[in-house]
PDB file of N, CA and C in Angstrom:
ATOM      1  N   UNK A   1     -13.996 -53.170-149.199  1.00  0.00           N
ATOM      2  CA  UNK A   1     -12.837 -53.135-149.274  1.00  0.00           C
ATOM      3  C   UNK A   1     -12.095 -54.775-150.008  1.00  0.00           C
ATOM      4  N   UNK A   2     -11.542 -54.869-150.323  1.00  0.00           N
ATOM      5  CA  UNK A   2     -10.867 -57.051-149.694  1.00  0.00           C
ATOM      6  C   UNK A   2      -9.540 -56.582-149.534  1.00  0.00           C
ATOM      7  N   UNK A   3      -9.703 -57.986-149.523  1.00  0.00           N
ATOM      8  CA  UNK A   3      -7.909 -58.352-149.359  1.00  0.00           C
ATOM      9  C   UNK A   3      -6.966 -58.165-149.865  1.00  0.00           C
ATOM     10  N   UNK A   4      -5.624 -57.970-149.509  1.00  0.00           N
ATOM     11  CA  UNK A   4      -4.889 -57.821-150.983  1.00  0.00           C
ATOM     12  C   UNK A   4      -3.981 -58.727-150.344  1.00  0.00           C
ATOM     13  N   UNK A   5      -3.534 -58.647-151.841  1.00  0.00           N
ATOM     14  CA  UNK A   5      -3.478 -60.190-152.933  1.00  0.00           C
ATOM     15  C   UNK A   5      -1.640 -59.715-152.169  1.00  0.00           C
ATOM     16  N   UNK A   6      -0.998 -60.966-151.228  1.00  0.00           N
ATOM     17  CA  UNK A   6       0.167 -61.086-151.117  1.00  0.00           C
ATOM     18  C   UNK A   6       1.187 -60.319-151.406  1.00  0.00           C
ATOM     19  N   UNK A   7       1.771 -61.124-152.851  1.00  0.00           N
ATOM     20  CA  UNK A   7       2.706 -60.969-153.624  1.00  0.00           C
ATOM     21  C   UNK A   7       2.757 -59.774-154.502  1.00  0.00           C
ATOM     22  N   UNK A   8       1.661 -59.224-155.270  1.00  0.00           N
ATOM     23  CA  UNK A   8       1.505 -58.275-155.518  1.00  0.00           C
ATOM     24  C   UNK A   8       1.869 -57.133-155.062  1.00  0.00           C
ATOM     25  N   UNK A   9       1.228 -56.849-153.850  1.00  0.00           N
ATOM     26  CA  UNK A   9       1.750 -56.013-153.018  1.00  0.00           C
ATOM     27  C   UNK A   9       2.526 -55.544-152.301  1.00  0.00           C
ATOM     28  N   UNK A  10       3.621 -56.362-152.322  1.00  0.00           N
ATOM     29  CA  UNK A  10       5.646 -56.926-151.382  1.00  0.00           C
ATOM     30  C   UNK A  10       5.757 -56.200-152.469  1.00  0.00           C
ATOM     31  N   UNK A  11       5.567 -56.683-153.707  1.00  0.00           N
ATOM     32  CA  UNK A  11       6.545 -56.772-155.265  1.00  0.00           C
ATOM     33  C   UNK A  11       7.010 -55.455-155.363  1.00  0.00           C
ATOM     34  N   UNK A  12       5.423 -54.464-155.179  1.00  0.00           N
ATOM     35  CA  UNK A  12       5.032 -53.492-155.710  1.00  0.00           C
ATOM     36  C   UNK A  12       5.688 -52.301-155.025  1.00  0.00           C
ATOM     37  N   UNK A  13       5.603 -53.055-153.707  1.00  0.00           N
ATOM     38  CA  UNK A  13       6.090 -52.121-152.398  1.00  0.00           C
ATOM     39  C   UNK A  13       8.361 -52.280-153.132  1.00  0.00           C
ATOM     40  N   UNK A  14       8.443 -53.251-153.126  1.00  0.00           N
ATOM     41  CA  UNK A  14      10.209 -53.285-153.624  1.00  0.00           C
ATOM     42  C   UNK A  14      10.491 -52.822-154.592  1.00  0.00           C
ATOM     43  N   UNK A  15      10.151 -52.357-155.837  1.00  0.00           N
ATOM     44  CA  UNK A  15       9.945 -51.819-156.769  1.00  0.00           C
ATOM     45  C   UNK A  15      10.054 -50.595-156.529  1.00  0.00           C
ATOM     46  N   UNK A  16       8.882 -50.371-155.833  1.00  0.00           N
ATOM     47  CA  UNK A  16       9.171 -48.531-155.848  1.00  0.00           C
ATOM     48  C   UNK A  16      10.553 -48.223-154.896  1.00  0.00           C
ATOM     49  N   UNK A  17      10.236 -49.011-153.877  1.00  0.00           N
ATOM     50  CA  UNK A  17      11.615 -48.475-152.932  1.00  0.00           C
ATOM     51  C   UNK A  17      12.886 -48.315-153.884  1.00  0.00           C
ATOM     52  N   UNK A  18      13.120 -49.684-154.252  1.00  0.00           N
ATOM     53  CA  UNK A  18      14.208 -49.570-155.513  1.00  0.00           C
ATOM     54  C   UNK A  18      14.391 -48.362-156.808  1.00  0.00           C
ATOM     55  N   UNK A  19      13.335 -48.119-157.666  1.00  0.00           N
ATOM     56  CA  UNK A  19      13.517 -46.705-157.316  1.00  0.00           C
ATOM     57  C   UNK A  19      13.724 -45.637-157.061  1.00  0.00           C
ATOM     58  N   UNK A  20      12.711 -45.248-155.947  1.00  0.00           N
ATOM     59  CA  UNK A  20      13.513 -44.066-155.019  1.00  0.00           C
ATOM     60  C   UNK A  20      14.460 -43.990-154.576  1.00  0.00           C
ATOM     61  N   UNK A  21      14.987 -45.556-154.024  1.00  0.00           N
ATOM     62  CA  UNK A  21      16.357 -45.290-153.578  1.00  0.00           C
ATOM     63  C   UNK A  21      17.528 -45.081-155.023  1.00  0.00           C
ATOM     64  N   UNK A  22      17.421 -45.614-156.025  1.00  0.00           N
ATOM     65  CA  UNK A  22      18.159 -45.396-157.170  1.00  0.00           C
ATOM     66  C   UNK A  22      18.053 -44.079-157.586  1.00  0.00           C
ATOM     67  N   UNK A  23      17.107 -43.139-157.580  1.00  0.00           N
ATOM     68  CA  UNK A  23      16.777 -41.980-157.373  1.00  0.00           C
ATOM     69  C   UNK A  23      17.763 -41.226-156.215  1.00  0.00           C
ATOM     70  N   UNK A  24      17.582 -41.657-155.171  1.00  0.00           N
ATOM     71  CA  UNK A  24      18.582 -40.364-153.867  1.00  0.00           C
ATOM     72  C   UNK A  24      19.843 -41.116-154.480  1.00  0.00           C
ATOM     73  N   UNK A  25      20.233 -41.104-155.342  1.00  0.00           N
ATOM     74  CA  UNK A  25      21.425 -41.870-154.997  1.00  0.00           C
ATOM     75  C   UNK A  25      22.399 -41.238-156.253  1.00  0.00           C
ATOM     76  N   UNK A  26      21.562 -40.701-157.102  1.00  0.00           N
ATOM     77  CA  UNK A  26      21.177 -40.167-158.480  1.00  0.00           C
ATOM     78  C   UNK A  26      21.097 -38.766-158.684  1.00  0.00           C
ATOM     79  N   UNK A  27      20.297 -38.302-156.939  1.00  0.00           N
ATOM     80  CA  UNK A  27      20.300 -36.874-156.506  1.00  0.00           C
ATOM     81  C   UNK A  27      20.970 -36.642-156.078  1.00  0.00           C
ATOM     82  N   UNK A  28      21.690 -37.255-155.353  1.00  0.00           N
ATOM     83  CA  UNK A  28      23.164 -36.736-154.716  1.00  0.00           C
ATOM     84  C   UNK A  28      24.746 -36.567-155.898  1.00  0.00           C
ATOM     85  N   UNK A  29      23.949 -36.479-156.978  1.00  0.00           N
ATOM     86  CA  UNK A  29      25.365 -36.277-157.855  1.00  0.00           C
ATOM     87  C   UNK A  29      25.211 -34.952-158.368  1.00  0.00           C
ATOM     88  N   UNK A  30      23.290 -34.902-158.595  1.00  0.00           N
ATOM     89  CA  UNK A  30      23.431 -33.400-158.935  1.00  0.00           C
ATOM     90  C   UNK A  30      23.806 -31.962-157.539  1.00  0.00           C
ATOM     91  N   UNK A  31      24.387 -30.953-158.133  1.00  0.00           N
ATOM     92  CA  UNK A  31      24.941 -30.080-157.732  1.00  0.00           C
ATOM     93  C   UNK A  31      23.796 -28.790-157.627  1.00  0.00           C
ATOM     94  N   UNK A  32      22.782 -28.970-156.740  1.00  0.00           N
ATOM     95  CA  UNK A  32      20.863 -28.463-156.926  1.00  0.00           C
ATOM     96  C   UNK A  32      21.819 -28.132-155.861  1.00  0.00           C
ATOM     97  N   UNK A  33      22.548 -28.120-155.067  1.00  0.00           N
ATOM     98  CA  UNK A  33      22.505 -28.000-153.110  1.00  0.00           C
ATOM     99  C   UNK A  33      23.905 -26.937-152.986  1.00  0.00           C
ATOM    100  N   UNK A  34      23.479 -26.380-151.448  1.00  0.00           N
ATOM    101  CA  UNK A  34      24.614 -26.124-151.270  1.00  0.00           C
ATOM    102  C   UNK A  34      26.154 -27.282-151.388  1.00  0.00           C
ATOM    103  N   UNK A  35      27.037 -26.645-151.297  1.00  0.00           N
ATOM    104  CA  UNK A  35      28.698 -27.951-150.842  1.00  0.00           C
ATOM    105  C   UNK A  35      27.682 -28.598-149.264  1.00  0.00           C
ATOM    106  N   UNK A  36      26.818 -27.646-148.277  1.00  0.00           N
ATOM    107  CA  UNK A  36      26.929 -28.849-147.239  1.00  0.00           C
ATOM    108  C   UNK A  36      26.800 -29.514-147.154  1.00  0.00           C
ATOM    109  N   UNK A  37      25.867 -28.698-147.707  1.00  0.00           N
ATOM    110  CA  UNK A  37      23.969 -30.314-148.246  1.00  0.00           C
ATOM    111  C   UNK A  37      24.242 -30.827-148.975  1.00  0.00           C
ATOM    112  N   UNK A  38      25.057 -31.676-149.729  1.00  0.00           N
ATOM    113  CA  UNK A  38      25.525 -32.325-150.433  1.00  0.00           C
ATOM    114  C   UNK A  38      26.982 -33.062-149.362  1.00  0.00           C
ATOM    115  N   UNK A  39      27.407 -32.341-148.649  1.00  0.00           N
ATOM    116  CA  UNK A  39      28.510 -33.347-148.017  1.00  0.00           C
ATOM    117  C   UNK A  39      27.311 -34.351-147.251  1.00  0.00           C
ATOM    118  N   UNK A  40      25.783 -33.082-146.454  1.00  0.00           N
ATOM    119  CA  UNK A  40      25.215 -34.345-145.899  1.00  0.00           C
ATOM    120  C   UNK A  40      24.718 -35.168-146.564  1.00  0.00           C
ATOM    121  N   UNK A  41      24.044 -35.016-147.447  1.00  0.00           N
ATOM    122  CA  UNK A  41      23.471 -35.850-148.427  1.00  0.00           C
ATOM    123  C   UNK A  41      24.164 -37.014-148.155  1.00  0.00           C
ATOM    124  N   UNK A  42      26.063 -36.944-148.824  1.00  0.00           N
ATOM    125  CA  UNK A  42      26.663 -38.609-149.327  1.00  0.00           C
ATOM    126  C   UNK A  42      26.379 -39.010-147.495  1.00  0.00           C
ATOM    127  N   UNK A  43      26.592 -38.209-146.486  1.00  0.00           N
ATOM    128  CA  UNK A  43      26.876 -38.469-144.816  1.00  0.00           C
ATOM    129  C   UNK A  43      25.619 -39.335-144.495  1.00  0.00           C
ATOM    130  N   UNK A  44      24.223 -38.680-145.285  1.00  0.00           N
ATOM    131  CA  UNK A  44      23.050 -40.096-144.586  1.00  0.00           C
ATOM    132  C   UNK A  44      23.007 -41.653-145.026  1.00  0.00           C
ATOM    133  N   UNK A  45      23.892 -41.537-146.347  1.00  0.00           N
ATOM    134  CA  UNK A  45      23.824 -42.535-147.220  1.00  0.00           C
ATOM    135  C   UNK A  45      25.027 -43.849-146.855  1.00  0.00           C
ATOM    136  N   UNK A  46      25.915 -42.344-145.990  1.00  0.00           N
ATOM    137  CA  UNK A  46      27.307 -43.752-145.020  1.00  0.00           C
ATOM    138  C   UNK A  46      26.817 -44.095-143.736  1.00  0.00           C
ATOM    139  N   UNK A  47      25.327 -43.326-143.777  1.00  0.00           N
ATOM    140  CA  UNK A  47      25.248 -44.746-142.757  1.00  0.00           C
ATOM    141  C   UNK A  47      24.338 -45.348-142.314  1.00  0.00           C
ATOM    142  N   UNK A  48      24.727 -46.208-143.608  1.00  0.00           N
ATOM    143  CA  UNK A  48      23.848 -47.979-143.766  1.00  0.00           C
ATOM    144  C   UNK A  48      25.513 -48.756-143.852  1.00  0.00           C
ATOM    145  N   UNK A  49      25.477 -49.002-143.399  1.00  0.00           N
ATOM    146  CA  UNK A  49      26.509 -50.454-143.043  1.00  0.00           C
ATOM    147  C   UNK A  49      26.897 -50.954-143.960  1.00  0.00           C
ATOM    148  N   UNK A  50      28.694 -50.770-144.284  1.00  0.00           N
ATOM    149  CA  UNK A  50      28.656 -51.013-145.262  1.00  0.00           C
ATOM    150  C   UNK A  50      29.204 -49.737-146.801  1.00  0.00           C
ATOM    151  N   UNK A  51      28.083 -48.802-146.452  1.00  0.00           N
ATOM    152  CA  UNK A  51      28.531 -47.683-147.652  1.00  0.00           C
ATOM    153  C   UNK A  51      28.964 -46.584-147.485  1.00  0.00           C
ATOM    154  N   UNK A  52      29.680 -47.257-149.044  1.00  0.00           N
ATOM    155  CA  UNK A  52      30.210 -45.408-148.865  1.00  0.00           C
ATOM    156  C   UNK A  52      30.272 -45.307-150.052  1.00  0.00           C
ATOM    157  N   UNK A  53      29.992 -43.833-150.845  1.00  0.00           N
ATOM    158  CA  UNK A  53      29.486 -43.187-151.643  1.00  0.00           C
ATOM    159  C   UNK A  53      30.592 -42.923-153.484  1.00  0.00           C
ATOM    160  N   UNK A  54      29.887 -43.552-153.689  1.00  0.00           N
ATOM    161  CA  UNK A  54      29.825 -43.758-155.445  1.00  0.00           C
ATOM    162  C   UNK A  54      30.832 -44.535-155.368  1.00  0.00           C
ATOM    163  N   UNK A  55      30.623 -45.808-154.835  1.00  0.00           N
ATOM    164  CA  UNK A  55      31.577 -47.116-155.333  1.00  0.00           C
ATOM    165  C   UNK A  55      30.229 -47.793-154.983  1.00  0.00           C
ATOM    166  N   UNK A  56      30.047 -49.200-156.541  1.00  0.00           N
ATOM    167  CA  UNK A  56      29.105 -49.907-156.891  1.00  0.00           C
ATOM    168  C   UNK A  56      29.197 -51.120-156.311  1.00  0.00           C
ATOM    169  N   UNK A  57      29.829 -51.277-155.432  1.00  0.00           N
ATOM    170  CA  UNK A  57      29.365 -52.965-154.924  1.00  0.00           C
ATOM    171  C   UNK A  57      28.443 -52.142-153.078  1.00  0.00           C
ATOM    172  N   UNK A  58      28.542 -50.475-152.852  1.00  0.00           N
ATOM    173  CA  UNK A  58      27.830 -49.832-152.170  1.00  0.00           C
ATOM    174  C   UNK A  58      26.527 -49.682-152.456  1.00  0.00           C
ATOM    175  N   UNK A  59      26.557 -49.527-153.663  1.00  0.00           N
ATOM    176  CA  UNK A  59      25.714 -48.575-154.098  1.00  0.00           C
ATOM    177  C   UNK A  59      24.698 -50.713-154.187  1.00  0.00           C
ATOM    178  N   UNK A  60      24.963 -52.395-155.168  1.00  0.00           N
ATOM    179  CA  UNK A  60      23.916 -52.785-154.363  1.00  0.00           C
ATOM    180  C   UNK A  60      24.060 -52.881-153.206  1.00  0.00           C
ATOM    181  N   UNK A  61      24.785 -52.624-152.726  1.00  0.00           N
ATOM    182  CA  UNK A  61      24.838 -52.980-151.328  1.00  0.00           C
ATOM    183  C   UNK A  61      23.395 -52.310-151.183  1.00  0.00           C
ATOM    184  N   UNK A  62      22.923 -51.194-150.591  1.00  0.00           N
ATOM    185  CA  UNK A  62      22.443 -50.648-150.557  1.00  0.00           C
ATOM    186  C   UNK A  62      20.656 -50.318-150.975  1.00  0.00           C
ATOM    187  N   UNK A  63      20.986 -51.464-151.924  1.00  0.00           N
ATOM    188  CA  UNK A  63      19.964 -51.775-153.352  1.00  0.00           C
ATOM    189  C   UNK A  63      18.730 -52.949-152.616  1.00  0.00           C
ATOM    190  N   UNK A  64      20.307 -53.717-151.424  1.00  0.00           N
ATOM    191  CA  UNK A  64      19.914 -55.225-150.956  1.00  0.00           C
ATOM    192  C   UNK A  64      19.241 -54.581-149.482  1.00  0.00           C
ATOM    193  N   UNK A  65      19.936 -54.038-149.204  1.00  0.00           N
ATOM    194  CA  UNK A  65      19.169 -53.468-147.861  1.00  0.00           C
ATOM    195  C   UNK A  65      17.588 -52.436-148.026  1.00  0.00           C
ATOM    196  N   UNK A  66      17.396 -52.146-148.829  1.00  0.00           N
ATOM    197  CA  UNK A  66      16.016 -51.450-149.830  1.00  0.00           C
ATOM    198  C   UNK A  66      15.399 -52.133-149.943  1.00  0.00           C
ATOM    199  N   UNK A  67      15.294 -53.243-149.880  1.00  0.00           N
ATOM    200  CA  UNK A  67      14.966 -54.639-151.161  1.00  0.00           C
ATOM    201  C   UNK A  67      14.204 -55.547-149.892  1.00  0.00           C
ATOM    202  N   UNK A  68      15.596 -55.639-148.797  1.00  0.00           N
ATOM    203  CA  UNK A  68      14.519 -56.237-147.077  1.00  0.00           C
ATOM    204  C   UNK A  68      13.300 -54.621-146.400  1.00  0.00           C
ATOM    205  N   UNK A  69      14.126 -54.259-146.542  1.00  0.00           N
ATOM    206  CA  UNK A  69      13.003 -53.200-145.786  1.00  0.00           C
ATOM    207  C   UNK A  69      11.440 -52.483-146.496  1.00  0.00           C
ATOM    208  N   UNK A  70      11.842 -53.597-147.681  1.00  0.00           N
ATOM    209  CA  UNK A  70      10.146 -52.849-148.785  1.00  0.00           C
ATOM    210  C   UNK A  70       9.234 -54.120-148.796  1.00  0.00           C
ATOM    211  N   UNK A  71      10.673 -55.203-148.411  1.00  0.00           N
ATOM    212  CA  UNK A  71       9.460 -56.667-148.675  1.00  0.00           C
ATOM    213  C   UNK A  71       9.120 -56.769-146.911  1.00  0.00           C
ATOM    214  N   UNK A  72      10.428 -56.208-146.262  1.00  0.00           N
ATOM    215  CA  UNK A  72       9.358 -56.017-144.899  1.00  0.00           C
ATOM    216  C   UNK A  72       8.117 -55.536-143.761  1.00  0.00           C
ATOM    217  N   UNK A  73       8.311 -54.626-144.939  1.00  0.00           N
ATOM    218  CA  UNK A  73       7.022 -53.326-144.362  1.00  0.00           C
ATOM    219  C   UNK A  73       5.667 -54.041-145.552  1.00  0.00           C
ATOM    220  N   UNK A  74       5.875 -54.464-146.802  1.00  0.00           N
ATOM    221  CA  UNK A  74       5.228 -54.433-147.607  1.00  0.00           C
ATOM    222  C   UNK A  74       4.998 -55.690-147.005  1.00  0.00           C
ATOM    223  N   UNK A  75       5.136 -57.228-146.510  1.00  0.00           N
ATOM    224  CA  UNK A  75       4.440 -58.314-145.352  1.00  0.00           C
ATOM    225  C   UNK A  75       3.739 -57.583-144.417  1.00  0.00           C
ATOM    226  N   UNK A  76       3.845 -56.856-143.492  1.00  0.00           N
ATOM    227  CA  UNK A  76       3.660 -56.424-142.517  1.00  0.00           C
ATOM    228  C   UNK A  76       2.076 -55.615-143.210  1.00  0.00           C
ATOM    229  N   UNK A  77       2.127 -54.998-144.188  1.00  0.00           N
ATOM    230  CA  UNK A  77       0.864 -53.972-144.348  1.00  0.00           C
ATOM    231  C   UNK A  77       0.146 -55.044-144.603  1.00  0.00           C
ATOM    232  N   UNK A  78       0.090 -55.428-145.190  1.00  0.00           N
ATOM    233  CA  UNK A  78      -0.539 -56.925-146.009  1.00  0.00           C
ATOM    234  C   UNK A  78      -1.214 -57.437-144.923  1.00  0.00           C
ATOM    235  N   UNK A  79      -0.379 -57.928-144.208  1.00  0.00           N
ATOM    236  CA  UNK A  79      -0.619 -58.722-143.064  1.00  0.00           C
ATOM    237  C   UNK A  79      -1.883 -58.094-142.025  1.00  0.00           C
ATOM    238  N   UNK A  80      -1.140 -57.466-141.809  1.00  0.00           N
ATOM    239  CA  UNK A  80      -2.444 -55.901-141.068  1.00  0.00           C
ATOM    240  C   UNK A  80      -3.833 -55.329-141.623  1.00  0.00           C
ATOM    241  N   UNK A  81      -3.609 -55.805-143.069  1.00  0.00           N
ATOM    242  CA  UNK A  81      -4.270 -54.705-143.223  1.00  0.00           C
ATOM    243  C   UNK A  81      -5.485 -55.543-143.307  1.00  0.00           C
ATOM    244  N   UNK A  82      -4.979 -57.651-143.902  1.00  0.00           N
ATOM    245  CA  UNK A  82      -6.066 -58.357-144.241  1.00  0.00           C
ATOM    246  C   UNK A  82      -6.421 -58.960-142.898  1.00  0.00           C
ATOM    247  N   UNK A  83      -5.626 -59.015-141.991  1.00  0.00           N
ATOM    248  CA  UNK A  83      -5.904 -59.602-140.626  1.00  0.00           C
ATOM    249  C   UNK A  83      -7.090 -58.990-139.950  1.00  0.00           C
ATOM    250  N   UNK A  84      -7.366 -57.206-140.559  1.00  0.00           N
ATOM    251  CA  UNK A  84      -8.601 -56.017-139.579  1.00  0.00           C
ATOM    252  C   UNK A  84      -9.445 -56.456-140.373  1.00  0.00           C
ATOM    253  N   UNK A  85      -9.772 -57.159-141.661  1.00  0.00           N
ATOM    254  CA  UNK A  85     -10.981 -56.806-142.648  1.00  0.00           C
ATOM    255  C   UNK A  85     -11.834 -57.713-141.492  1.00  0.00           C
ATOM    256  N   UNK A  86     -12.760 -57.126-141.573  1.00  0.00           N
ATOM    257  CA  UNK A  86     -14.304 -58.337-140.855  1.00  0.00           C
ATOM    258  C   UNK A  86     -14.616 -58.720-141.444  1.00  0.00           C
ATOM    259  N   UNK A  87     -15.078 -60.579-140.966  1.00  0.00           N
ATOM    260  CA  UNK A  87     -15.608 -61.305-142.518  1.00  0.00           C
ATOM    261  C   UNK A  87     -17.105 -61.163-142.434  1.00  0.00           C
TER     262      UNK A  87
END
């Protein structure tokens, strides 16, 4: 297996993270669980600094947090993979 392309892999991590984040926020709007479970779902999102439930600014702030986290994860993964390949 060859080296990973930094730009391609990192941007795929960011895209995947943003898709999952959006689906998780939308999932919090569906009444598929008990009232307590829905409250817990909302509270877990509110552990993000500055996040309040169903606020556009908070949603965008959460997207920025996910972007930063996914970018660092992708960067670290590519670095670990590429630096451990034997020449």
